[in-house]
Amino acid sequence: MRYFILESAAYQILHRRIESFVRPSLKSRVRDLVTRWSVPGHKIYGDIARYNLRNLVSELQHVNPHKIQFENGRNTCQFFSFVGHYQHMVERWTGEPWDWWPLPRRPRALAESEARLRWKCVSI
């Protein structure tokens, strides 16, 4: 009976929620923050929906925080900047987007208040 209760999904969820309440982690804090911001009518709900922040948080929960990089337009990696410049020229010249595989896609230009988030995906 004890094994049945301890291995049940309901008990596991309860245990995880109590653990995050007693000792909140960065993951639980970000998840709660995104949940609050995702309510229609919140002042930044439009940004949450536009950038699909809920999916981003789900993807980043297993990434080593030391592997996450933030870039704004001024500190973009030289390779991406060089390749992106020529990709932009070709797409502008032809008037349509291209599939650049195996090269990375050309990232869109960032607005003044935006930053780009990069991380390396490692399969488990």
PDB file of N, CA and C in Angstrom:
ATOM      1  N   MET A   1       0.830  -1.189   0.000  1.00  0.00           N
ATOM      2  CA  MET A   1       0.000   0.000   0.000  1.00  0.00           C
ATOM      3  C   MET A   1       0.878   1.259   0.000  1.00  0.00           C
ATOM      4  N   ARG A   2       1.936   1.225   0.807  1.00  0.00           N
ATOM      5  CA  ARG A   2       2.835   2.376   0.897  1.00  0.00           C
ATOM      6  C   ARG A   2       3.475   2.666  -0.462  1.00  0.00           C
ATOM      7  N   TYR A   3       3.953   1.645  -1.137  1.00  0.00           N
ATOM      8  CA  TYR A   3       4.567   1.805  -2.464  1.00  0.00           C
ATOM      9  C   TYR A   3       3.551   2.372  -3.458  1.00  0.00           C
ATOM     10  N   PHE A   4       2.322   1.899  -3.403  1.00  0.00           N
ATOM     11  CA  PHE A   4       1.266   2.371  -4.297  1.00  0.00           C
ATOM     12  C   PHE A   4       1.039   3.871  -4.123  1.00  0.00           C
ATOM     13  N   ILE A   5       1.008   4.339  -2.894  1.00  0.00           N
ATOM     14  CA  ILE A   5       0.782   5.762  -2.616  1.00  0.00           C
ATOM     15  C   ILE A   5       1.998   6.595  -3.021  1.00  0.00           C
ATOM     16  N   LEU A   6       3.190   6.152  -2.635  1.00  0.00           N
ATOM     17  CA  LEU A   6       4.402   6.943  -2.916  1.00  0.00           C
ATOM     18  C   LEU A   6       4.717   7.031  -4.404  1.00  0.00           C
ATOM     19  N   GLU A   7       4.332   6.051  -5.179  1.00  0.00           N
ATOM     20  CA  GLU A   7       4.615   6.058  -6.615  1.00  0.00           C
ATOM     21  C   GLU A   7       3.473   6.630  -7.447  1.00  0.00           C
ATOM     22  N   SER A   8       2.394   7.053  -6.828  1.00  0.00           N
ATOM     23  CA  SER A   8       1.264   7.596  -7.589  1.00  0.00           C
ATOM     24  C   SER A   8       1.603   8.977  -8.144  1.00  0.00           C
ATOM     25  N   ALA A   9       0.992   9.314  -9.252  1.00  0.00           N
ATOM     26  CA  ALA A   9       1.227  10.612  -9.892  1.00  0.00           C
ATOM     27  C   ALA A   9       0.771  11.754  -8.984  1.00  0.00           C
ATOM     28  N   ALA A  10      -0.337  11.570  -8.300  1.00  0.00           N
ATOM     29  CA  ALA A  10      -0.852  12.624  -7.419  1.00  0.00           C
ATOM     30  C   ALA A  10       0.133  12.927  -6.290  1.00  0.00           C
ATOM     31  N   TYR A  11       0.692  11.887  -5.687  1.00  0.00           N
ATOM     32  CA  TYR A  11       1.670  12.095  -4.611  1.00  0.00           C
ATOM     33  C   TYR A  11       2.933  12.759  -5.146  1.00  0.00           C
ATOM     34  N   GLN A  12       3.392  12.342  -6.326  1.00  0.00           N
ATOM     35  CA  GLN A  12       4.595  12.933  -6.925  1.00  0.00           C
ATOM     36  C   GLN A  12       4.397  14.421  -7.192  1.00  0.00           C
ATOM     37  N   ILE A  13       3.235  14.798  -7.710  1.00  0.00           N
ATOM     38  CA  ILE A  13       2.931  16.216  -7.973  1.00  0.00           C
ATOM     39  C   ILE A  13       2.868  16.990  -6.661  1.00  0.00           C
ATOM     40  N   LEU A  14       2.195  16.421  -5.668  1.00  0.00           N
ATOM     41  CA  LEU A  14       2.108  17.076  -4.363  1.00  0.00           C
ATOM     42  C   LEU A  14       3.505  17.268  -3.768  1.00  0.00           C
ATOM     43  N   HIS A  15       4.325  16.257  -3.824  1.00  0.00           N
ATOM     44  CA  HIS A  15       5.685  16.331  -3.294  1.00  0.00           C
ATOM     45  C   HIS A  15       6.495  17.414  -4.010  1.00  0.00           C
ATOM     46  N   ARG A  16       6.399  17.456  -5.329  1.00  0.00           N
ATOM     47  CA  ARG A  16       7.135  18.459  -6.113  1.00  0.00           C
ATOM     48  C   ARG A  16       6.660  19.872  -5.780  1.00  0.00           C
ATOM     49  N   ARG A  17       5.349  20.047  -5.631  1.00  0.00           N
ATOM     50  CA  ARG A  17       4.817  21.382  -5.314  1.00  0.00           C
ATOM     51  C   ARG A  17       5.209  21.832  -3.906  1.00  0.00           C
ATOM     52  N   ILE A  18       5.185  20.925  -2.954  1.00  0.00           N
ATOM     53  CA  ILE A  18       5.611  21.286  -1.594  1.00  0.00           C
ATOM     54  C   ILE A  18       7.096  21.610  -1.586  1.00  0.00           C
ATOM     55  N   GLU A  19       7.888  20.831  -2.311  1.00  0.00           N
ATOM     56  CA  GLU A  19       9.333  21.081  -2.400  1.00  0.00           C
ATOM     57  C   GLU A  19       9.612  22.453  -3.004  1.00  0.00           C
ATOM     58  N   SER A  20       8.901  22.805  -4.088  1.00  0.00           N
ATOM     59  CA  SER A  20       9.149  24.114  -4.704  1.00  0.00           C
ATOM     60  C   SER A  20       8.622  25.253  -3.844  1.00  0.00           C
ATOM     61  N   PHE A  21       7.632  24.980  -2.980  1.00  0.00           N
ATOM     62  CA  PHE A  21       7.138  26.011  -2.064  1.00  0.00           C
ATOM     63  C   PHE A  21       8.138  26.238  -0.928  1.00  0.00           C
ATOM     64  N   VAL A  22       8.666  25.167  -0.374  1.00  0.00           N
ATOM     65  CA  VAL A  22       9.595  25.268   0.751  1.00  0.00           C
ATOM     66  C   VAL A  22      10.959  25.765   0.285  1.00  0.00           C
ATOM     67  N   ARG A  23      11.479  25.185  -0.793  1.00  0.00           N
ATOM     68  CA  ARG A  23      12.777  25.586  -1.344  1.00  0.00           C
ATOM     69  C   ARG A  23      12.616  25.914  -2.815  1.00  0.00           C
ATOM     70  N   PRO A  24      12.159  27.122  -3.111  1.00  0.00           N
ATOM     71  CA  PRO A  24      11.936  27.464  -4.519  1.00  0.00           C
ATOM     72  C   PRO A  24      13.256  27.493  -5.290  1.00  0.00           C
ATOM     73  N   SER A  25      13.228  26.898  -6.454  1.00  0.00           N
ATOM     74  CA  SER A  25      14.407  26.907  -7.317  1.00  0.00           C
ATOM     75  C   SER A  25      14.211  27.980  -8.385  1.00  0.00           C
ATOM     76  N   LEU A  26      15.258  28.227  -9.127  1.00  0.00           N
ATOM     77  CA  LEU A  26      15.145  29.177 -10.230  1.00  0.00           C
ATOM     78  C   LEU A  26      14.083  28.711 -11.219  1.00  0.00           C
ATOM     79  N   LYS A  27      14.039  27.402 -11.487  1.00  0.00           N
ATOM     80  CA  LYS A  27      13.059  26.854 -12.429  1.00  0.00           C
ATOM     81  C   LYS A  27      11.635  27.105 -11.953  1.00  0.00           C
ATOM     82  N   SER A  28      11.372  26.845 -10.667  1.00  0.00           N
ATOM     83  CA  SER A  28      10.012  27.033 -10.168  1.00  0.00           C
ATOM     84  C   SER A  28       9.638  28.510 -10.132  1.00  0.00           C
ATOM     85  N   ARG A  29      10.591  29.376  -9.809  1.00  0.00           N
ATOM     86  CA  ARG A  29      10.305  30.813  -9.795  1.00  0.00           C
ATOM     87  C   ARG A  29       9.999  31.339 -11.194  1.00  0.00           C
ATOM     88  N   VAL A  30      10.780  30.902 -12.180  1.00  0.00           N
ATOM     89  CA  VAL A  30      10.535  31.344 -13.556  1.00  0.00           C
ATOM     90  C   VAL A  30       9.201  30.801 -14.045  1.00  0.00           C
ATOM     91  N   ARG A  31       8.907  29.538 -13.744  1.00  0.00           N
ATOM     92  CA  ARG A  31       7.634  28.947 -14.160  1.00  0.00           C
ATOM     93  C   ARG A  31       6.460  29.726 -13.560  1.00  0.00           C
ATOM     94  N   ASP A  32       6.546  30.071 -12.271  1.00  0.00           N
ATOM     95  CA  ASP A  32       5.474  30.832 -11.624  1.00  0.00           C
ATOM     96  C   ASP A  32       5.350  32.236 -12.215  1.00  0.00           C
ATOM     97  N   LEU A  33       6.473  32.861 -12.505  1.00  0.00           N
ATOM     98  CA  LEU A  33       6.465  34.195 -13.090  1.00  0.00           C
ATOM     99  C   LEU A  33       5.811  34.189 -14.468  1.00  0.00           C
ATOM    100  N   VAL A  34       6.171  33.229 -15.296  1.00  0.00           N
ATOM    101  CA  VAL A  34       5.581  33.131 -16.636  1.00  0.00           C
ATOM    102  C   VAL A  34       4.093  32.826 -16.535  1.00  0.00           C
ATOM    103  N   THR A  35       3.697  32.010 -15.574  1.00  0.00           N
ATOM    104  CA  THR A  35       2.276  31.710 -15.380  1.00  0.00           C
ATOM    105  C   THR A  35       1.506  32.980 -15.031  1.00  0.00           C
ATOM    106  N   ARG A  36       2.053  33.811 -14.147  1.00  0.00           N
ATOM    107  CA  ARG A  36       1.384  35.071 -13.794  1.00  0.00           C
ATOM    108  C   ARG A  36       1.308  36.016 -14.978  1.00  0.00           C
ATOM    109  N   TRP A  37       2.384  36.083 -15.759  1.00  0.00           N
ATOM    110  CA  TRP A  37       2.414  36.984 -16.911  1.00  0.00           C
ATOM    111  C   TRP A  37       1.536  36.500 -18.052  1.00  0.00           C
ATOM    112  N   SER A  38       1.191  35.215 -18.087  1.00  0.00           N
ATOM    113  CA  SER A  38       0.435  34.643 -19.199  1.00  0.00           C
ATOM    114  C   SER A  38      -1.061  34.889 -19.109  1.00  0.00           C
ATOM    115  N   VAL A  39      -1.496  35.569 -18.094  1.00  0.00           N
ATOM    116  CA  VAL A  39      -2.920  35.863 -17.942  1.00  0.00           C
ATOM    117  C   VAL A  39      -3.293  36.980 -18.922  1.00  0.00           C
ATOM    118  N   PRO A  40      -4.295  36.733 -19.797  1.00  0.00           N
ATOM    119  CA  PRO A  40      -4.711  37.817 -20.701  1.00  0.00           C
ATOM    120  C   PRO A  40      -5.102  39.051 -19.895  1.00  0.00           C
ATOM    121  N   GLY A  41      -4.635  40.182 -20.341  1.00  0.00           N
ATOM    122  CA  GLY A  41      -4.895  41.415 -19.627  1.00  0.00           C
ATOM    123  C   GLY A  41      -3.690  41.899 -18.832  1.00  0.00           C
ATOM    124  N   HIS A  42      -2.721  41.025 -18.572  1.00  0.00           N
ATOM    125  CA  HIS A  42      -1.502  41.468 -17.899  1.00  0.00           C
ATOM    126  C   HIS A  42      -0.763  42.410 -18.832  1.00  0.00           C
ATOM    127  N   LYS A  43      -0.039  43.380 -18.275  1.00  0.00           N
ATOM    128  CA  LYS A  43       0.570  44.416 -19.109  1.00  0.00           C
ATOM    129  C   LYS A  43       1.615  43.878 -20.087  1.00  0.00           C
ATOM    130  N   ILE A  44       2.253  42.732 -19.812  1.00  0.00           N
ATOM    131  CA  ILE A  44       3.214  42.193 -20.777  1.00  0.00           C
ATOM    132  C   ILE A  44       2.732  40.881 -21.401  1.00  0.00           C
ATOM    133  N   TYR A  45       1.429  40.628 -21.352  1.00  0.00           N
ATOM    134  CA  TYR A  45       0.876  39.414 -21.954  1.00  0.00           C
ATOM    135  C   TYR A  45       1.203  39.326 -23.442  1.00  0.00           C
ATOM    136  N   GLY A  46       1.206  40.450 -24.140  1.00  0.00           N
ATOM    137  CA  GLY A  46       1.502  40.453 -25.571  1.00  0.00           C
ATOM    138  C   GLY A  46       2.906  39.942 -25.866  1.00  0.00           C
ATOM    139  N   ASP A  47       3.877  40.330 -25.036  1.00  0.00           N
ATOM    140  CA  ASP A  47       5.248  39.850 -25.225  1.00  0.00           C
ATOM    141  C   ASP A  47       5.356  38.362 -24.941  1.00  0.00           C
ATOM    142  N   ILE A  48       4.661  37.890 -23.928  1.00  0.00           N
ATOM    143  CA  ILE A  48       4.686  36.465 -23.582  1.00  0.00           C
ATOM    144  C   ILE A  48       4.132  35.648 -24.741  1.00  0.00           C
ATOM    145  N   ALA A  49       3.026  36.090 -25.308  1.00  0.00           N
ATOM    146  CA  ALA A  49       2.419  35.359 -26.420  1.00  0.00           C
ATOM    147  C   ALA A  49       3.258  35.471 -27.687  1.00  0.00           C
ATOM    148  N   ARG A  50       3.784  36.645 -27.976  1.00  0.00           N
ATOM    149  CA  ARG A  50       4.545  36.852 -29.209  1.00  0.00           C
ATOM    150  C   ARG A  50       5.828  36.037 -29.218  1.00  0.00           C
ATOM    151  N   TYR A  51       6.543  35.996 -28.115  1.00  0.00           N
ATOM    152  CA  TYR A  51       7.815  35.285 -28.058  1.00  0.00           C
ATOM    153  C   TYR A  51       7.679  33.849 -27.578  1.00  0.00           C
ATOM    154  N   ASN A  52       6.444  33.391 -27.309  1.00  0.00           N
ATOM    155  CA  ASN A  52       6.205  32.017 -26.886  1.00  0.00           C
ATOM    156  C   ASN A  52       7.076  31.669 -25.676  1.00  0.00           C
ATOM    157  N   LEU A  53       7.059  32.531 -24.691  1.00  0.00           N
ATOM    158  CA  LEU A  53       7.948  32.404 -23.538  1.00  0.00           C
ATOM    159  C   LEU A  53       7.705  31.128 -22.741  1.00  0.00           C
ATOM    160  N   ARG A  54       6.477  30.657 -22.705  1.00  0.00           N
ATOM    161  CA  ARG A  54       6.185  29.419 -21.970  1.00  0.00           C
ATOM    162  C   ARG A  54       6.967  28.247 -22.574  1.00  0.00           C
ATOM    163  N   ASN A  55       7.031  28.155 -23.902  1.00  0.00           N
ATOM    164  CA  ASN A  55       7.801  27.089 -24.552  1.00  0.00           C
ATOM    165  C   ASN A  55       9.291  27.268 -24.313  1.00  0.00           C
ATOM    166  N   LEU A  56       9.761  28.508 -24.337  1.00  0.00           N
ATOM    167  CA  LEU A  56      11.168  28.780 -24.100  1.00  0.00           C
ATOM    168  C   LEU A  56      11.588  28.326 -22.707  1.00  0.00           C
ATOM    169  N   VAL A  57      10.773  28.613 -21.711  1.00  0.00           N
ATOM    170  CA  VAL A  57      11.080  28.210 -20.338  1.00  0.00           C
ATOM    171  C   VAL A  57      11.101  26.690 -20.235  1.00  0.00           C
ATOM    172  N   SER A  58      10.187  26.007 -20.919  1.00  0.00           N
ATOM    173  CA  SER A  58      10.178  24.540 -20.905  1.00  0.00           C
ATOM    174  C   SER A  58      11.443  23.974 -21.525  1.00  0.00           C
ATOM    175  N   GLU A  59      11.895  24.574 -22.620  1.00  0.00           N
ATOM    176  CA  GLU A  59      13.101  24.088 -23.279  1.00  0.00           C
ATOM    177  C   GLU A  59      14.355  24.356 -22.451  1.00  0.00           C
ATOM    178  N   LEU A  60      14.379  25.461 -21.751  1.00  0.00           N
ATOM    179  CA  LEU A  60      15.577  25.839 -21.005  1.00  0.00           C
ATOM    180  C   LEU A  60      15.707  25.161 -19.639  1.00  0.00           C
ATOM    181  N   GLN A  61      14.693  24.439 -19.193  1.00  0.00           N
ATOM    182  CA  GLN A  61      14.769  23.888 -17.840  1.00  0.00           C
ATOM    183  C   GLN A  61      15.844  22.827 -17.676  1.00  0.00           C
ATOM    184  N   HIS A  62      16.301  22.205 -18.766  1.00  0.00           N
ATOM    185  CA  HIS A  62      17.340  21.186 -18.662  1.00  0.00           C
ATOM    186  C   HIS A  62      18.692  21.665 -19.172  1.00  0.00           C
ATOM    187  N   VAL A  63      18.809  22.953 -19.457  1.00  0.00           N
ATOM    188  CA  VAL A  63      20.058  23.510 -19.985  1.00  0.00           C
ATOM    189  C   VAL A  63      20.917  24.002 -18.828  1.00  0.00           C
ATOM    190  N   ASN A  64      22.199  23.721 -18.922  1.00  0.00           N
ATOM    191  CA  ASN A  64      23.148  24.224 -17.930  1.00  0.00           C
ATOM    192  C   ASN A  64      23.168  25.756 -18.013  1.00  0.00           C
ATOM    193  N   PRO A  65      22.910  26.465 -16.920  1.00  0.00           N
ATOM    194  CA  PRO A  65      22.864  27.931 -16.981  1.00  0.00           C
ATOM    195  C   PRO A  65      24.153  28.574 -17.484  1.00  0.00           C
ATOM    196  N   HIS A  66      25.278  27.889 -17.333  1.00  0.00           N
ATOM    197  CA  HIS A  66      26.550  28.442 -17.804  1.00  0.00           C
ATOM    198  C   HIS A  66      26.675  28.375 -19.321  1.00  0.00           C
ATOM    199  N   LYS A  67      25.792  27.618 -19.989  1.00  0.00           N
ATOM    200  CA  LYS A  67      25.834  27.495 -21.448  1.00  0.00           C
ATOM    201  C   LYS A  67      24.901  28.491 -22.137  1.00  0.00           C
ATOM    202  N   ILE A  68      24.144  29.260 -21.361  1.00  0.00           N
ATOM    203  CA  ILE A  68      23.201  30.226 -21.924  1.00  0.00           C
ATOM    204  C   ILE A  68      23.937  31.538 -22.190  1.00  0.00           C
ATOM    205  N   GLN A  69      23.723  32.098 -23.378  1.00  0.00           N
ATOM    206  CA  GLN A  69      24.359  33.355 -23.750  1.00  0.00           C
ATOM    207  C   GLN A  69      23.290  34.347 -24.185  1.00  0.00           C
ATOM    208  N   PHE A  70      23.463  35.588 -23.759  1.00  0.00           N
ATOM    209  CA  PHE A  70      22.595  36.661 -24.205  1.00  0.00           C
ATOM    210  C   PHE A  70      23.373  37.520 -25.182  1.00  0.00           C
ATOM    211  N   GLU A  71      22.739  37.898 -26.265  1.00  0.00           N
ATOM    212  CA  GLU A  71      23.374  38.767 -27.249  1.00  0.00           C
ATOM    213  C   GLU A  71      22.426  39.905 -27.573  1.00  0.00           C
ATOM    214  N   ASN A  72      22.982  41.072 -27.718  1.00  0.00           N
ATOM    215  CA  ASN A  72      22.210  42.134 -28.337  1.00  0.00           C
ATOM    216  C   ASN A  72      22.902  42.420 -29.657  1.00  0.00           C
ATOM    217  N   GLY A  73      22.447  43.353 -30.416  1.00  0.00           N
ATOM    218  CA  GLY A  73      23.006  43.594 -31.736  1.00  0.00           C
ATOM    219  C   GLY A  73      24.487  43.915 -31.727  1.00  0.00           C
ATOM    220  N   ARG A  74      25.010  44.446 -30.624  1.00  0.00           N
ATOM    221  CA  ARG A  74      26.405  44.886 -30.582  1.00  0.00           C
ATOM    222  C   ARG A  74      27.381  43.759 -30.293  1.00  0.00           C
ATOM    223  N   ASN A  75      26.966  42.717 -29.590  1.00  0.00           N
ATOM    224  CA  ASN A  75      27.925  41.672 -29.228  1.00  0.00           C
ATOM    225  C   ASN A  75      27.603  40.318 -29.862  1.00  0.00           C
ATOM    226  N   THR A  76      27.120  40.343 -31.073  1.00  0.00           N
ATOM    227  CA  THR A  76      26.805  39.118 -31.786  1.00  0.00           C
ATOM    228  C   THR A  76      28.097  38.406 -32.194  1.00  0.00           C
ATOM    229  N   CYS A  77      28.074  37.100 -32.194  1.00  0.00           N
ATOM    230  CA  CYS A  77      29.223  36.288 -32.596  1.00  0.00           C
ATOM    231  C   CYS A  77      29.659  36.686 -34.004  1.00  0.00           C
ATOM    232  N   GLN A  78      30.969  36.787 -34.216  1.00  0.00           N
ATOM    233  CA  GLN A  78      31.512  37.214 -35.513  1.00  0.00           C
ATOM    234  C   GLN A  78      31.033  36.325 -36.652  1.00  0.00           C
ATOM    235  N   PHE A  79      31.025  35.002 -36.441  1.00  0.00           N
ATOM    236  CA  PHE A  79      30.610  34.080 -37.501  1.00  0.00           C
ATOM    237  C   PHE A  79      29.171  34.344 -37.911  1.00  0.00           C
ATOM    238  N   PHE A  80      28.276  34.434 -36.924  1.00  0.00           N
ATOM    239  CA  PHE A  80      26.862  34.665 -37.228  1.00  0.00           C
ATOM    240  C   PHE A  80      26.665  36.027 -37.879  1.00  0.00           C
ATOM    241  N   SER A  81      27.414  36.990 -37.452  1.00  0.00           N
ATOM    242  CA  SER A  81      27.313  38.325 -38.029  1.00  0.00           C
ATOM    243  C   SER A  81      27.760  38.307 -39.485  1.00  0.00           C
ATOM    244  N   PHE A  82      28.883  37.654 -39.780  1.00  0.00           N
ATOM    245  CA  PHE A  82      29.432  37.583 -41.136  1.00  0.00           C
ATOM    246  C   PHE A  82      28.492  36.825 -42.069  1.00  0.00           C
ATOM    247  N   VAL A  83      28.097  35.636 -41.664  1.00  0.00           N
ATOM    248  CA  VAL A  83      27.212  34.810 -42.493  1.00  0.00           C
ATOM    249  C   VAL A  83      25.851  35.475 -42.641  1.00  0.00           C
ATOM    250  N   GLY A  84      25.332  36.018 -41.552  1.00  0.00           N
ATOM    251  CA  GLY A  84      24.027  36.669 -41.594  1.00  0.00           C
ATOM    252  C   GLY A  84      23.985  37.848 -42.538  1.00  0.00           C
ATOM    253  N   HIS A  85      25.081  38.581 -42.627  1.00  0.00           N
ATOM    254  CA  HIS A  85      25.145  39.731 -43.531  1.00  0.00           C
ATOM    255  C   HIS A  85      24.951  39.279 -44.983  1.00  0.00           C
ATOM    256  N   TYR A  86      25.651  38.234 -45.378  1.00  0.00           N
ATOM    257  CA  TYR A  86      25.540  37.758 -46.762  1.00  0.00           C
ATOM    258  C   TYR A  86      24.225  37.034 -47.018  1.00  0.00           C
ATOM    259  N   GLN A  87      23.705  36.353 -46.026  1.00  0.00           N
ATOM    260  CA  GLN A  87      22.385  35.739 -46.174  1.00  0.00           C
ATOM    261  C   GLN A  87      21.329  36.818 -46.389  1.00  0.00           C
ATOM    262  N   HIS A  88      21.441  37.886 -45.634  1.00  0.00           N
ATOM    263  CA  HIS A  88      20.503  38.999 -45.776  1.00  0.00           C
ATOM    264  C   HIS A  88      20.588  39.609 -47.178  1.00  0.00           C
ATOM    265  N   MET A  89      21.813  39.758 -47.678  1.00  0.00           N
ATOM    266  CA  MET A  89      21.984  40.324 -49.025  1.00  0.00           C
ATOM    267  C   MET A  89      21.332  39.440 -50.083  1.00  0.00           C
ATOM    268  N   VAL A  90      21.527  38.127 -49.990  1.00  0.00           N
ATOM    269  CA  VAL A  90      20.947  37.200 -50.974  1.00  0.00           C
ATOM    270  C   VAL A  90      19.429  37.203 -50.879  1.00  0.00           C
ATOM    271  N   GLU A  91      18.892  37.154 -49.657  1.00  0.00           N
ATOM    272  CA  GLU A  91      17.441  37.144 -49.494  1.00  0.00           C
ATOM    273  C   GLU A  91      16.826  38.459 -49.956  1.00  0.00           C
ATOM    274  N   ARG A  92      17.497  39.564 -49.715  1.00  0.00           N
ATOM    275  CA  ARG A  92      16.995  40.854 -50.185  1.00  0.00           C
ATOM    276  C   ARG A  92      17.042  40.926 -51.704  1.00  0.00           C
ATOM    277  N   TRP A  93      18.103  40.396 -52.299  1.00  0.00           N
ATOM    278  CA  TRP A  93      18.265  40.426 -53.756  1.00  0.00           C
ATOM    279  C   TRP A  93      17.216  39.565 -54.450  1.00  0.00           C
ATOM    280  N   THR A  94      16.928  38.363 -53.879  1.00  0.00           N
ATOM    281  CA  THR A  94      15.941  37.470 -54.498  1.00  0.00           C
ATOM    282  C   THR A  94      14.511  37.787 -54.070  1.00  0.00           C
ATOM    283  N   GLY A  95      14.351  38.478 -52.951  1.00  0.00           N
ATOM    284  CA  GLY A  95      13.017  38.859 -52.499  1.00  0.00           C
ATOM    285  C   GLY A  95      12.266  37.779 -51.751  1.00  0.00           C
ATOM    286  N   GLU A  96      12.945  36.717 -51.315  1.00  0.00           N
ATOM    287  CA  GLU A  96      12.266  35.668 -50.555  1.00  0.00           C
ATOM    288  C   GLU A  96      13.242  34.993 -49.591  1.00  0.00           C
ATOM    289  N   PRO A  97      12.705  34.376 -48.523  1.00  0.00           N
ATOM    290  CA  PRO A  97      13.581  33.695 -47.564  1.00  0.00           C
ATOM    291  C   PRO A  97      14.133  32.395 -48.154  1.00  0.00           C
ATOM    292  N   TRP A  98      15.296  31.988 -47.692  1.00  0.00           N
ATOM    293  CA  TRP A  98      15.959  30.782 -48.180  1.00  0.00           C
ATOM    294  C   TRP A  98      16.093  29.764 -47.056  1.00  0.00           C
ATOM    295  N   ASP A  99      16.212  28.491 -47.432  1.00  0.00           N
ATOM    296  CA  ASP A  99      16.563  27.429 -46.490  1.00  0.00           C
ATOM    297  C   ASP A  99      18.079  27.292 -46.551  1.00  0.00           C
ATOM    298  N   TRP A 100      18.769  27.693 -45.498  1.00  0.00           N
ATOM    299  CA  TRP A 100      20.229  27.779 -45.514  1.00  0.00           C
ATOM    300  C   TRP A 100      20.912  26.536 -44.979  1.00  0.00           C
ATOM    301  N   TRP A 101      20.215  25.440 -44.820  1.00  0.00           N
ATOM    302  CA  TRP A 101      20.810  24.235 -44.260  1.00  0.00           C
ATOM    303  C   TRP A 101      22.019  23.829 -45.076  1.00  0.00           C
ATOM    304  N   PRO A 102      23.122  23.475 -44.477  1.00  0.00           N
ATOM    305  CA  PRO A 102      23.422  23.232 -43.061  1.00  0.00           C
ATOM    306  C   PRO A 102      23.866  24.475 -42.303  1.00  0.00           C
ATOM    307  N   LEU A 103      23.874  25.619 -42.935  1.00  0.00           N
ATOM    308  CA  LEU A 103      24.208  26.854 -42.225  1.00  0.00           C
ATOM    309  C   LEU A 103      23.040  27.268 -41.339  1.00  0.00           C
ATOM    310  N   PRO A 104      23.308  27.994 -40.276  1.00  0.00           N
ATOM    311  CA  PRO A 104      22.207  28.481 -39.450  1.00  0.00           C
ATOM    312  C   PRO A 104      21.391  29.517 -40.209  1.00  0.00           C
ATOM    313  N   ARG A 105      20.100  29.611 -39.874  1.00  0.00           N
ATOM    314  CA  ARG A 105      19.242  30.623 -40.492  1.00  0.00           C
ATOM    315  C   ARG A 105      19.712  32.007 -40.091  1.00  0.00           C
ATOM    316  N   ARG A 106      19.432  32.958 -40.953  1.00  0.00           N
ATOM    317  CA  ARG A 106      19.785  34.345 -40.652  1.00  0.00           C
ATOM    318  C   ARG A 106      18.869  34.845 -39.546  1.00  0.00           C
ATOM    319  N   PRO A 107      19.438  35.267 -38.422  1.00  0.00           N
ATOM    320  CA  PRO A 107      18.579  35.797 -37.359  1.00  0.00           C
ATOM    321  C   PRO A 107      18.053  37.177 -37.749  1.00  0.00           C
ATOM    322  N   ARG A 108      16.843  37.449 -37.357  1.00  0.00           N
ATOM    323  CA  ARG A 108      16.282  38.757 -37.682  1.00  0.00           C
ATOM    324  C   ARG A 108      17.000  39.832 -36.882  1.00  0.00           C
ATOM    325  N   ALA A 109      16.968  41.022 -37.381  1.00  0.00           N
ATOM    326  CA  ALA A 109      17.607  42.143 -36.679  1.00  0.00           C
ATOM    327  C   ALA A 109      16.860  42.402 -35.370  1.00  0.00           C
ATOM    328  N   LEU A 110      17.609  42.732 -34.338  1.00  0.00           N
ATOM    329  CA  LEU A 110      17.018  42.992 -33.036  1.00  0.00           C
ATOM    330  C   LEU A 110      16.640  44.453 -32.899  1.00  0.00           C
ATOM    331  N   ALA A 111      15.533  44.690 -32.218  1.00  0.00           N
ATOM    332  CA  ALA A 111      15.145  46.060 -31.896  1.00  0.00           C
ATOM    333  C   ALA A 111      16.056  46.571 -30.774  1.00  0.00           C
ATOM    334  N   GLU A 112      15.982  47.823 -30.491  1.00  0.00           N
ATOM    335  CA  GLU A 112      16.856  48.448 -29.487  1.00  0.00           C
ATOM    336  C   GLU A 112      16.716  47.791 -28.109  1.00  0.00           C
ATOM    337  N   SER A 113      15.503  47.413 -27.734  1.00  0.00           N
ATOM    338  CA  SER A 113      15.280  46.882 -26.392  1.00  0.00           C
ATOM    339  C   SER A 113      15.297  45.352 -26.337  1.00  0.00           C
ATOM    340  N   GLU A 114      15.666  44.669 -27.423  1.00  0.00           N
ATOM    341  CA  GLU A 114      15.637  43.215 -27.458  1.00  0.00           C
ATOM    342  C   GLU A 114      17.026  42.620 -27.300  1.00  0.00           C
ATOM    343  N   ALA A 115      17.055  41.369 -26.866  1.00  0.00           N
ATOM    344  CA  ALA A 115      18.296  40.599 -26.783  1.00  0.00           C
ATOM    345  C   ALA A 115      18.016  39.212 -27.327  1.00  0.00           C
ATOM    346  N   ARG A 116      19.035  38.557 -27.815  1.00  0.00           N
ATOM    347  CA  ARG A 116      18.912  37.200 -28.349  1.00  0.00           C
ATOM    348  C   ARG A 116      19.476  36.231 -27.328  1.00  0.00           C
ATOM    349  N   LEU A 117      18.812  35.097 -27.171  1.00  0.00           N
ATOM    350  CA  LEU A 117      19.195  34.073 -26.217  1.00  0.00           C
ATOM    351  C   LEU A 117      19.687  32.863 -26.997  1.00  0.00           C
ATOM    352  N   ARG A 118      20.895  32.374 -26.683  1.00  0.00           N
ATOM    353  CA  ARG A 118      21.456  31.195 -27.352  1.00  0.00           C
ATOM    354  C   ARG A 118      21.861  30.175 -26.310  1.00  0.00           C
ATOM    355  N   TRP A 119      21.699  28.888 -26.664  1.00  0.00           N
ATOM    356  CA  TRP A 119      22.181  27.811 -25.843  1.00  0.00           C
ATOM    357  C   TRP A 119      22.449  26.619 -26.731  1.00  0.00           C
ATOM    358  N   LYS A 120      23.280  25.734 -26.252  1.00  0.00           N
ATOM    359  CA  LYS A 120      23.621  24.546 -27.013  1.00  0.00           C
ATOM    360  C   LYS A 120      22.727  23.415 -26.558  1.00  0.00           C
ATOM    361  N   CYS A 121      22.022  22.813 -27.487  1.00  0.00           N
ATOM    362  CA  CYS A 121      21.126  21.706 -27.195  1.00  0.00           C
ATOM    363  C   CYS A 121      21.924  20.415 -27.220  1.00  0.00           C
ATOM    364  N   VAL A 122      21.865  19.662 -26.137  1.00  0.00           N
ATOM    365  CA  VAL A 122      22.565  18.392 -26.052  1.00  0.00           C
ATOM    366  C   VAL A 122      21.513  17.302 -25.848  1.00  0.00           C
ATOM    367  N   SER A 123      21.501  16.311 -26.732  1.00  0.00           N
ATOM    368  CA  SER A 123      20.505  15.250 -26.592  1.00  0.00           C
ATOM    369  C   SER A 123      20.850  14.370 -25.403  1.00  0.00           C
ATOM    370  N   ILE A 124      19.822  13.873 -24.771  1.00  0.00           N
ATOM    371  CA  ILE A 124      19.999  13.066 -23.555  1.00  0.00           C
ATOM    372  C   ILE A 124      20.210  11.619 -23.925  1.00  0.00           C
TER     373      ILE A 124
END
